[in-house]
Every structure is written in C-alpha cells, then in structure tokens.
Amino acid sequence: MAALTGIQRRAARKARGGAAMDMNLVSLIDVFTILIFFLLSSAAGVETLVSPSAVKLPLSSAEQAPKDSVVLVVSREEILVDGRRVALVKDALAQADDLIAPLKAELDLLATRKAVRAENASEAQAITIMADKEIPYRLLRKLMATCARANYSDVFFAVRRRDV
C-alpha cells in the first residue's frame, strides 16, 4: 500500500464522514422577509418634504414634523402646486388684487378630491407653503389670501431645521 499525501488523506476522511450537509433556505427566506417588513414599517414613520434646489427655505428651530398635505412651492420665478406650475411670480406680483386666479383654480380642483378615510377629511383642507426666503411679503400675503379663499384653513410653512 502506497503512502497517501496530506490532500489524499483529507479527501478520504471527508468521503468517510458521509454526505455533505444541505442548507435549508426556506427558514433563511422567512428571516429576510421579516427583516424587510420591519425596515419598511420603521422607515414609513419618517416624513420629510422634498425641497427643490431653486427654493432656499428659511431656518427655524421648529420641531414639528410635516403633515401630509397639498404642497405649494414658490421659487423666485414660479408657483407650483404638487409639482405642477400654475403661475409665474412676476404675474402674481403684477396683479392689484390679492387673489391669484390660476392658483385658486388649481386649489379648487384639488379640493374636489374626496378623502378616502373619514379621519383624513380634516387633512384634506391643509396646505404647506414651501417658499423661498427671498420672496417679498406681499406675494406671501397674496398666497395666503388665495389659500383662504379656496377654503384651505390650515396653512403650514416649510422651514429647514437649524442645527443647534
């Protein structure tokens, strides 16, 4: 009988040990499914508003989280409601009246949407104004007056939290 090398002895010992152990992937898939559901449910609690790069928000020490509402974005050039342009800032400032007609028409259209759940009905008349910190106050006054005439009773202002 010839002498076996180290590799051959290890291979013979492994062959004598029996069949290789199989991994049960079903329990591993269950663990990953539970982990994904946990991560999705915990991430749903964090709400932030996406701030366009054209809008520089004012700083504040406010701690209140934003509510899910209609978002009115006002940059230096245009006025957007939920991402759609409804008016230009220069046209809104040129009007003598406090009512911005295209904005009111868009808000009236959004107000016709019904809340799916009864507890969300109060949030249907809420609006968040995300305005550039350099816009004139008279434009801000016109925006708030138009929101009030469109029956949006809860007006919130989006700000950046100041690092303390």
C-alpha atoms as a PDB file:
ATOM      1  CA  MET A   1       0.000   0.000   0.000  1.00  0.00           C
ATOM      2  CA  ALA A   2       1.407   3.309  -1.059  1.00  0.00           C
ATOM      3  CA  ALA A   3       1.651   6.236   1.305  1.00  0.00           C
ATOM      4  CA  LEU A   4      -1.060   8.854   0.828  1.00  0.00           C
ATOM      5  CA  THR A   5      -0.335  12.542   0.628  1.00  0.00           C
ATOM      6  CA  GLY A   6      -1.987  15.022   3.010  1.00  0.00           C
ATOM      7  CA  ILE A   7      -4.553  16.102   0.452  1.00  0.00           C
ATOM      8  CA  GLN A   8      -5.480  12.497  -0.338  1.00  0.00           C
ATOM      9  CA  ARG A   9      -5.879  11.653   3.375  1.00  0.00           C
ATOM     10  CA  ARG A  10      -8.181  14.657   3.899  1.00  0.00           C
ATOM     11  CA  ALA A  11     -10.261  13.673   0.870  1.00  0.00           C
ATOM     12  CA  ALA A  12     -10.560  10.079   2.132  1.00  0.00           C
ATOM     13  CA  ARG A  13     -11.576  11.285   5.638  1.00  0.00           C
ATOM     14  CA  LYS A  14     -14.181  13.593   4.157  1.00  0.00           C
ATOM     15  CA  ALA A  15     -15.593  10.791   1.989  1.00  0.00           C
ATOM     16  CA  ARG A  16     -15.883   8.514   5.067  1.00  0.00           C
ATOM     17  CA  GLY A  17     -17.752  11.216   7.038  1.00  0.00           C
ATOM     18  CA  GLY A  18     -20.920  10.808   4.978  1.00  0.00           C
ATOM     19  CA  ALA A  19     -22.970  13.058   2.771  1.00  0.00           C
ATOM     20  CA  ALA A  20     -22.474  16.811   2.760  1.00  0.00           C
ATOM     21  CA  MET A  21     -24.865  18.884   4.856  1.00  0.00           C
ATOM     22  CA  ASP A  22     -27.625  20.704   2.941  1.00  0.00           C
ATOM     23  CA  MET A  23     -28.649  24.236   3.845  1.00  0.00           C
ATOM     24  CA  ASN A  24     -32.338  24.900   4.448  1.00  0.00           C
ATOM     25  CA  LEU A  25     -33.110  28.088   2.513  1.00  0.00           C
ATOM     26  CA  VAL A  26     -36.797  28.277   3.474  1.00  0.00           C
ATOM     27  CA  SER A  27     -36.071  29.475   7.012  1.00  0.00           C
ATOM     28  CA  LEU A  28     -33.480  31.925   5.662  1.00  0.00           C
ATOM     29  CA  ILE A  29     -36.060  33.422   3.274  1.00  0.00           C
ATOM     30  CA  ASP A  30     -38.503  33.774   6.181  1.00  0.00           C
ATOM     31  CA  VAL A  31     -35.933  35.699   8.202  1.00  0.00           C
ATOM     32  CA  PHE A  32     -35.202  38.082   5.312  1.00  0.00           C
ATOM     33  CA  THR A  33     -38.927  38.628   4.662  1.00  0.00           C
ATOM     34  CA  ILE A  34     -39.494  39.599   8.293  1.00  0.00           C
ATOM     35  CA  LEU A  35     -36.458  41.883   8.162  1.00  0.00           C
ATOM     36  CA  ILE A  36     -37.738  43.646   5.023  1.00  0.00           C
ATOM     37  CA  PHE A  37     -41.204  44.198   6.552  1.00  0.00           C
ATOM     38  CA  PHE A  38     -39.607  45.593   9.700  1.00  0.00           C
ATOM     39  CA  LEU A  39     -37.419  48.006   7.754  1.00  0.00           C
ATOM     40  CA  LEU A  40     -40.319  49.188   5.588  1.00  0.00           C
ATOM     41  CA  SER A  41     -42.618  49.774   8.537  1.00  0.00           C
ATOM     42  CA  SER A  42     -39.991  51.662  10.537  1.00  0.00           C
ATOM     43  CA  ALA A  43     -38.988  53.832   7.558  1.00  0.00           C
ATOM     44  CA  ALA A  44     -42.612  54.866   6.944  1.00  0.00           C
ATOM     45  CA  GLY A  45     -42.620  56.951  10.137  1.00  0.00           C
ATOM     46  CA  VAL A  46     -40.059  59.434   8.825  1.00  0.00           C
ATOM     47  CA  GLU A  47     -41.614  62.156   6.729  1.00  0.00           C
ATOM     48  CA  THR A  48     -39.724  64.919   5.020  1.00  0.00           C
ATOM     49  CA  LEU A  49     -40.629  67.285   2.259  1.00  0.00           C
ATOM     50  CA  VAL A  50     -38.508  67.285  -0.840  1.00  0.00           C
ATOM     51  CA  SER A  51     -37.073  70.755  -1.228  1.00  0.00           C
ATOM     52  CA  PRO A  52     -36.338  71.854  -4.796  1.00  0.00           C
ATOM     53  CA  SER A  53     -32.896  73.302  -5.350  1.00  0.00           C
ATOM     54  CA  ALA A  54     -34.414  76.589  -6.570  1.00  0.00           C
ATOM     55  CA  VAL A  55     -36.046  77.202  -3.177  1.00  0.00           C
ATOM     56  CA  LYS A  56     -33.926  78.297  -0.214  1.00  0.00           C
ATOM     57  CA  LEU A  57     -36.021  77.706   2.888  1.00  0.00           C
ATOM     58  CA  PRO A  58     -35.662  79.891   5.988  1.00  0.00           C
ATOM     59  CA  LEU A  59     -34.057  78.440   9.107  1.00  0.00           C
ATOM     60  CA  SER A  60     -36.135  77.693  12.198  1.00  0.00           C
ATOM     61  CA  SER A  61     -35.961  75.853  15.483  1.00  0.00           C
ATOM     62  CA  ALA A  62     -39.322  74.155  14.871  1.00  0.00           C
ATOM     63  CA  GLU A  63     -39.571  70.508  15.873  1.00  0.00           C
ATOM     64  CA  GLN A  64     -42.971  69.636  14.372  1.00  0.00           C
ATOM     65  CA  ALA A  65     -42.905  67.037  11.599  1.00  0.00           C
ATOM     66  CA  PRO A  66     -44.597  67.931   8.289  1.00  0.00           C
ATOM     67  CA  LYS A  67     -48.113  66.669   7.679  1.00  0.00           C
ATOM     68  CA  ASP A  68     -49.290  65.025   4.517  1.00  0.00           C
ATOM     69  CA  SER A  69     -50.979  67.883   2.667  1.00  0.00           C
ATOM     70  CA  VAL A  70     -51.025  69.808  -0.594  1.00  0.00           C
ATOM     71  CA  VAL A  71     -47.592  71.357  -1.172  1.00  0.00           C
ATOM     72  CA  LEU A  72     -47.360  74.858  -2.637  1.00  0.00           C
ATOM     73  CA  VAL A  73     -43.798  75.599  -3.807  1.00  0.00           C
ATOM     74  CA  VAL A  74     -42.834  79.200  -4.510  1.00  0.00           C
ATOM     75  CA  SER A  75     -39.448  79.842  -6.078  1.00  0.00           C
ATOM     76  CA  ARG A  76     -38.185  83.192  -7.311  1.00  0.00           C
ATOM     77  CA  GLU A  77     -39.733  82.640 -10.760  1.00  0.00           C
ATOM     78  CA  GLU A  78     -42.737  80.325 -10.491  1.00  0.00           C
ATOM     79  CA  ILE A  79     -45.523  78.968  -8.286  1.00  0.00           C
ATOM     80  CA  LEU A  80     -46.057  75.188  -8.252  1.00  0.00           C
ATOM     81  CA  VAL A  81     -48.860  73.143  -6.684  1.00  0.00           C
ATOM     82  CA  ASP A  82     -47.946  69.484  -6.146  1.00  0.00           C
ATOM     83  CA  GLY A  83     -45.224  69.774  -8.788  1.00  0.00           C
ATOM     84  CA  ARG A  84     -47.337  71.484 -11.496  1.00  0.00           C
ATOM     85  CA  ARG A  85     -46.675  75.101 -12.468  1.00  0.00           C
ATOM     86  CA  VAL A  86     -49.774  77.231 -12.046  1.00  0.00           C
ATOM     87  CA  ALA A  87     -48.444  80.806 -12.227  1.00  0.00           C
ATOM     88  CA  LEU A  88     -45.369  82.964 -12.567  1.00  0.00           C
ATOM     89  CA  VAL A  89     -44.220  85.094  -9.638  1.00  0.00           C
ATOM     90  CA  LYS A  90     -43.921  88.246 -11.750  1.00  0.00           C
ATOM     91  CA  ASP A  91     -47.555  87.853 -12.933  1.00  0.00           C
ATOM     92  CA  ALA A  92     -48.797  87.301  -9.380  1.00  0.00           C
ATOM     93  CA  LEU A  93     -46.955  90.386  -8.130  1.00  0.00           C
ATOM     94  CA  ALA A  94     -48.289  92.499 -11.017  1.00  0.00           C
ATOM     95  CA  GLN A  95     -51.922  91.849 -10.075  1.00  0.00           C
ATOM     96  CA  ALA A  96     -53.595  94.551  -7.990  1.00  0.00           C
ATOM     97  CA  ASP A  97     -55.926  92.084  -6.262  1.00  0.00           C
ATOM     98  CA  ASP A  98     -54.796  89.668  -3.531  1.00  0.00           C
ATOM     99  CA  LEU A  99     -56.370  86.744  -5.386  1.00  0.00           C
ATOM    100  CA  ILE A 100     -54.097  84.719  -7.681  1.00  0.00           C
ATOM    101  CA  ALA A 101     -56.723  83.280 -10.058  1.00  0.00           C
ATOM    102  CA  PRO A 102     -54.755  80.324 -11.557  1.00  0.00           C
ATOM    103  CA  LEU A 103     -53.682  79.245  -8.067  1.00  0.00           C
ATOM    104  CA  LYS A 104     -57.257  79.403  -6.759  1.00  0.00           C
ATOM    105  CA  ALA A 105     -58.494  77.366  -9.738  1.00  0.00           C
ATOM    106  CA  GLU A 106     -55.899  74.658  -9.066  1.00  0.00           C
ATOM    107  CA  LEU A 107     -56.662  74.602  -5.329  1.00  0.00           C
ATOM    108  CA  ASP A 108     -60.392  74.371  -6.054  1.00  0.00           C
ATOM    109  CA  LEU A 109     -59.696  71.424  -8.341  1.00  0.00           C
ATOM    110  CA  LEU A 110     -57.641  69.684  -5.644  1.00  0.00           C
ATOM    111  CA  ALA A 111     -60.344  70.367  -3.046  1.00  0.00           C
ATOM    112  CA  THR A 112     -62.847  68.344  -5.077  1.00  0.00           C
ATOM    113  CA  ARG A 113     -60.897  65.179  -4.337  1.00  0.00           C
ATOM    114  CA  LYS A 114     -62.597  63.200  -1.598  1.00  0.00           C
ATOM    115  CA  ALA A 115     -60.711  61.806   1.374  1.00  0.00           C
ATOM    116  CA  VAL A 116     -60.707  58.012   1.343  1.00  0.00           C
ATOM    117  CA  ARG A 117     -60.854  57.666   5.126  1.00  0.00           C
ATOM    118  CA  ALA A 118     -63.025  59.764   7.428  1.00  0.00           C
ATOM    119  CA  GLU A 119     -60.141  60.654   9.767  1.00  0.00           C
ATOM    120  CA  ASN A 120     -58.207  62.130   6.811  1.00  0.00           C
ATOM    121  CA  ALA A 121     -61.016  64.538   5.898  1.00  0.00           C
ATOM    122  CA  SER A 122     -59.580  67.293   8.115  1.00  0.00           C
ATOM    123  CA  GLU A 123     -56.183  66.978   6.418  1.00  0.00           C
ATOM    124  CA  ALA A 124     -57.785  67.479   3.002  1.00  0.00           C
ATOM    125  CA  GLN A 125     -58.051  71.217   3.710  1.00  0.00           C
ATOM    126  CA  ALA A 126     -54.414  71.620   4.807  1.00  0.00           C
ATOM    127  CA  ILE A 127     -51.691  73.188   2.670  1.00  0.00           C
ATOM    128  CA  THR A 128     -47.945  73.511   3.174  1.00  0.00           C
ATOM    129  CA  ILE A 129     -46.275  76.575   1.675  1.00  0.00           C
ATOM    130  CA  MET A 130     -42.661  75.967   0.752  1.00  0.00           C
ATOM    131  CA  ALA A 131     -41.489  79.451  -0.187  1.00  0.00           C
ATOM    132  CA  ASP A 132     -38.074  80.858  -0.934  1.00  0.00           C
ATOM    133  CA  LYS A 133     -36.816  83.043   1.906  1.00  0.00           C
ATOM    134  CA  GLU A 134     -36.188  85.925  -0.505  1.00  0.00           C
ATOM    135  CA  ILE A 135     -39.760  86.335  -1.836  1.00  0.00           C
ATOM    136  CA  PRO A 136     -41.495  89.611  -0.919  1.00  0.00           C
ATOM    137  CA  TYR A 137     -44.039  89.654   1.877  1.00  0.00           C
ATOM    138  CA  ARG A 138     -46.818  90.949  -0.379  1.00  0.00           C
ATOM    139  CA  LEU A 139     -46.518  87.786  -2.504  1.00  0.00           C
ATOM    140  CA  LEU A 140     -46.728  85.680   0.645  1.00  0.00           C
ATOM    141  CA  ARG A 141     -49.826  87.655   1.696  1.00  0.00           C
ATOM    142  CA  LYS A 142     -51.412  87.012  -1.726  1.00  0.00           C
ATOM    143  CA  LEU A 143     -50.637  83.304  -1.445  1.00  0.00           C
ATOM    144  CA  MET A 144     -52.229  83.036   1.988  1.00  0.00           C
ATOM    145  CA  ALA A 145     -55.283  85.066   0.914  1.00  0.00           C
ATOM    146  CA  THR A 146     -55.759  82.815  -2.131  1.00  0.00           C
ATOM    147  CA  CYS A 147     -55.449  79.689   0.025  1.00  0.00           C
ATOM    148  CA  ALA A 148     -58.021  81.090   2.458  1.00  0.00           C
ATOM    149  CA  ARG A 149     -60.463  81.886  -0.372  1.00  0.00           C
ATOM    150  CA  ALA A 150     -60.063  78.314  -1.647  1.00  0.00           C
ATOM    151  CA  ASN A 151     -61.114  77.045   1.831  1.00  0.00           C
ATOM    152  CA  TYR A 152     -57.690  75.776   2.861  1.00  0.00           C
ATOM    153  CA  SER A 153     -57.978  76.585   6.545  1.00  0.00           C
ATOM    154  CA  ASP A 154     -54.739  75.005   7.825  1.00  0.00           C
ATOM    155  CA  VAL A 155     -51.687  76.749   6.352  1.00  0.00           C
ATOM    156  CA  PHE A 156     -48.241  75.441   7.275  1.00  0.00           C
ATOM    157  CA  PHE A 157     -44.847  76.843   6.311  1.00  0.00           C
ATOM    158  CA  ALA A 158     -41.953  74.569   5.423  1.00  0.00           C
ATOM    159  CA  VAL A 159     -38.630  75.516   7.008  1.00  0.00           C
ATOM    160  CA  ARG A 160     -35.207  73.986   7.450  1.00  0.00           C
ATOM    161  CA  ARG A 161     -34.348  72.937  10.973  1.00  0.00           C
ATOM    162  CA  ARG A 162     -31.490  74.934  12.418  1.00  0.00           C
ATOM    163  CA  ASP A 163     -28.709  72.752  13.828  1.00  0.00           C
ATOM    164  CA  VAL A 164     -28.354  73.679  17.465  1.00  0.00           C
END
